[in-house]
C-alpha atoms as a PDB file:
ATOM      1  CA  MET A   1      86.965  85.362-131.247  1.00  0.00           C
ATOM      2  CA  GLU A   2      83.848  83.545-132.442  1.00  0.00           C
ATOM      3  CA  LYS A   3      82.839  86.528-134.596  1.00  0.00           C
ATOM      4  CA  PHE A   4      86.359  86.624-136.067  1.00  0.00           C
ATOM      5  CA  LYS A   5      86.116  82.955-137.112  1.00  0.00           C
ATOM      6  CA  ARG A   6      82.673  83.465-138.603  1.00  0.00           C
ATOM      7  CA  LEU A   7      83.808  86.476-140.645  1.00  0.00           C
ATOM      8  CA  LYS A   8      86.944  84.668-141.825  1.00  0.00           C
ATOM      9  CA  ASN A   9      84.897  81.643-142.911  1.00  0.00           C
ATOM     10  CA  GLU A  10      82.447  83.912-144.730  1.00  0.00           C
ATOM     11  CA  GLY A  11      85.405  85.520-146.498  1.00  0.00           C
ATOM     12  CA  ASN A  12      86.741  82.085-147.445  1.00  0.00           C
ATOM     13  CA  ASP A  13      83.331  81.133-148.839  1.00  0.00           C
ATOM     14  CA  PHE A  14      83.237  84.297-150.955  1.00  0.00           C
ATOM     15  CA  VAL A  15      86.692  83.457-152.331  1.00  0.00           C
ATOM     16  CA  LYS A  16      85.471  79.986-153.337  1.00  0.00           C
ATOM     17  CA  MET A  17      82.586  81.639-155.213  1.00  0.00           C
ATOM     18  CA  GLY A  18      84.915  84.125-156.905  1.00  0.00           C
ATOM     19  CA  GLU A  19      83.366  87.073-155.038  1.00  0.00           C
ATOM     20  CA  TYR A  20      86.666  88.755-154.229  1.00  0.00           C
ATOM     21  CA  GLU A  21      85.378  92.212-153.325  1.00  0.00           C
ATOM     22  CA  GLU A  22      83.000  90.747-150.730  1.00  0.00           C
ATOM     23  CA  ALA A  23      85.721  88.437-149.424  1.00  0.00           C
ATOM     24  CA  ALA A  24      88.151  91.359-149.025  1.00  0.00           C
ATOM     25  CA  ASN A  25      85.493  93.222-147.045  1.00  0.00           C
ATOM     26  CA  LYS A  26      85.044  90.255-144.680  1.00  0.00           C
ATOM     27  CA  TYR A  27      88.793  89.990-144.145  1.00  0.00           C
ATOM     28  CA  SER A  28      88.936  93.736-143.456  1.00  0.00           C
ATOM     29  CA  GLU A  29      86.271  93.270-140.784  1.00  0.00           C
ATOM     30  CA  CYS A  30      88.378  90.475-139.284  1.00  0.00           C
ATOM     31  CA  MET A  31      91.326  92.845-139.033  1.00  0.00           C
ATOM     32  CA  LYS A  32      89.286  95.224-136.906  1.00  0.00           C
ATOM     33  CA  LEU A  33      88.862  92.377-134.398  1.00  0.00           C
ATOM     34  CA  ASN A  34      92.401  90.960-134.564  1.00  0.00           C
ATOM     35  CA  THR A  35      95.303  92.774-136.231  1.00  0.00           C
ATOM     36  CA  GLU A  36      97.781  89.997-135.396  1.00  0.00           C
ATOM     37  CA  GLU A  37      96.248  87.173-137.470  1.00  0.00           C
ATOM     38  CA  CYS A  38      98.440  86.951-140.579  1.00  0.00           C
ATOM     39  CA  THR A  39      96.160  84.658-142.578  1.00  0.00           C
ATOM     40  CA  VAL A  40      93.518  87.344-143.061  1.00  0.00           C
ATOM     41  CA  TYR A  41      96.177  89.639-144.546  1.00  0.00           C
ATOM     42  CA  THR A  42      97.415  86.990-146.975  1.00  0.00           C
ATOM     43  CA  ASN A  43      93.826  86.066-147.819  1.00  0.00           C
ATOM     44  CA  ARG A  44      92.927  89.695-148.480  1.00  0.00           C
ATOM     45  CA  ALA A  45      96.101  90.047-150.561  1.00  0.00           C
ATOM     46  CA  LEU A  46      94.832  87.181-152.733  1.00  0.00           C
ATOM     47  CA  CYS A  47      91.548  89.046-153.213  1.00  0.00           C
ATOM     48  CA  TYR A  48      93.371  92.234-154.117  1.00  0.00           C
ATOM     49  CA  LEU A  49      95.468  90.360-156.675  1.00  0.00           C
ATOM     50  CA  LYS A  50      92.305  88.969-158.273  1.00  0.00           C
ATOM     51  CA  LEU A  51      90.896  92.524-158.340  1.00  0.00           C
ATOM     52  CA  TYR A  52      94.128  93.924-159.900  1.00  0.00           C
ATOM     53  CA  LYS A  53      94.747  96.028-156.773  1.00  0.00           C
ATOM     54  CA  TYR A  54      98.449  95.271-156.738  1.00  0.00           C
ATOM     55  CA  GLU A  55      99.588  98.072-154.424  1.00  0.00           C
ATOM     56  CA  GLU A  56      97.057  97.033-151.768  1.00  0.00           C
ATOM     57  CA  ALA A  57      98.112  93.386-152.118  1.00  0.00           C
ATOM     58  CA  LYS A  58     101.762  94.360-151.689  1.00  0.00           C
ATOM     59  CA  GLN A  59     100.950  96.361-148.564  1.00  0.00           C
ATOM     60  CA  ASP A  60      99.104  93.423-146.964  1.00  0.00           C
ATOM     61  CA  CYS A  61     102.019  91.112-147.736  1.00  0.00           C
ATOM     62  CA  ASP A  62     104.521  93.634-146.377  1.00  0.00           C
ATOM     63  CA  ARG A  63     102.485  93.765-143.153  1.00  0.00           C
ATOM     64  CA  VAL A  64     102.688  89.976-142.755  1.00  0.00           C
ATOM     65  CA  LEU A  65     106.395  89.863-143.575  1.00  0.00           C
ATOM     66  CA  GLN A  66     107.160  92.365-140.821  1.00  0.00           C
ATOM     67  CA  THR A  67     106.212  89.705-138.274  1.00  0.00           C
ATOM     68  CA  GLU A  68     106.712  86.480-140.262  1.00  0.00           C
ATOM     69  CA  ASP A  69     109.621  87.120-142.619  1.00  0.00           C
ATOM     70  CA  SER A  70     109.475  83.629-144.136  1.00  0.00           C
ATOM     71  CA  ASN A  71     105.706  83.400-144.713  1.00  0.00           C
ATOM     72  CA  ILE A  72     105.584  81.617-148.072  1.00  0.00           C
ATOM     73  CA  LYS A  73     102.119  82.863-149.057  1.00  0.00           C
ATOM     74  CA  ALA A  74     103.058  86.457-148.290  1.00  0.00           C
ATOM     75  CA  LEU A  75     106.337  86.190-150.217  1.00  0.00           C
ATOM     76  CA  TYR A  76     104.633  84.585-153.214  1.00  0.00           C
ATOM     77  CA  ARG A  77     101.701  86.983-153.291  1.00  0.00           C
ATOM     78  CA  ARG A  78     103.983  89.983-152.874  1.00  0.00           C
ATOM     79  CA  ALA A  79     105.995  88.760-155.869  1.00  0.00           C
ATOM     80  CA  LEU A  80     102.756  88.535-157.873  1.00  0.00           C
ATOM     81  CA  ALA A  81     101.854  92.059-156.752  1.00  0.00           C
ATOM     82  CA  TYR A  82     105.256  93.369-157.883  1.00  0.00           C
ATOM     83  CA  LYS A  83     104.787  91.597-161.205  1.00  0.00           C
ATOM     84  CA  GLY A  84     101.340  93.174-161.621  1.00  0.00           C
ATOM     85  CA  LEU A  85     102.729  96.605-160.764  1.00  0.00           C
ATOM     86  CA  GLN A  86     105.504  96.202-163.362  1.00  0.00           C
ATOM     87  CA  VAL A  87     103.050  95.141-166.061  1.00  0.00           C
ATOM     88  CA  ARG A  88     100.833  98.128-165.248  1.00  0.00           C
ATOM     89  CA  LYS A  89     103.846 100.457-165.303  1.00  0.00           C
ATOM     90  CA  LYS A  90     104.956  99.168-168.723  1.00  0.00           C
ATOM     91  CA  SER A  91     101.459  99.516-170.177  1.00  0.00           C
ATOM     92  CA  MET A  92     101.250 103.105-168.887  1.00  0.00           C
ATOM     93  CA  VAL A  93     104.480 103.972-170.675  1.00  0.00           C
ATOM     94  CA  GLY A  94     102.976 102.744-173.944  1.00  0.00           C
ATOM     95  CA  ILE A  95     100.006 105.125-173.648  1.00  0.00           C
END
């Protein structure tokens, strides 16, 4: 559990520095240690949103909402992911 906390804190520090790819990697490592901790999924979803990886963000939020159906961060970030996916879809049509 100590390693999990350390990795999560490192991920949080990367987010504060705007290093979203590195942060997402730290959160992914956390998930290998504990798949039940919802905050690492919502945190990684934030990173994916910042990296324009909307499908991945949606999947992380869906995972959280399976166990916590009223998780505000997951609901909000999933909505942002859907919005990003719609924008991408519309821009593809224009090509």
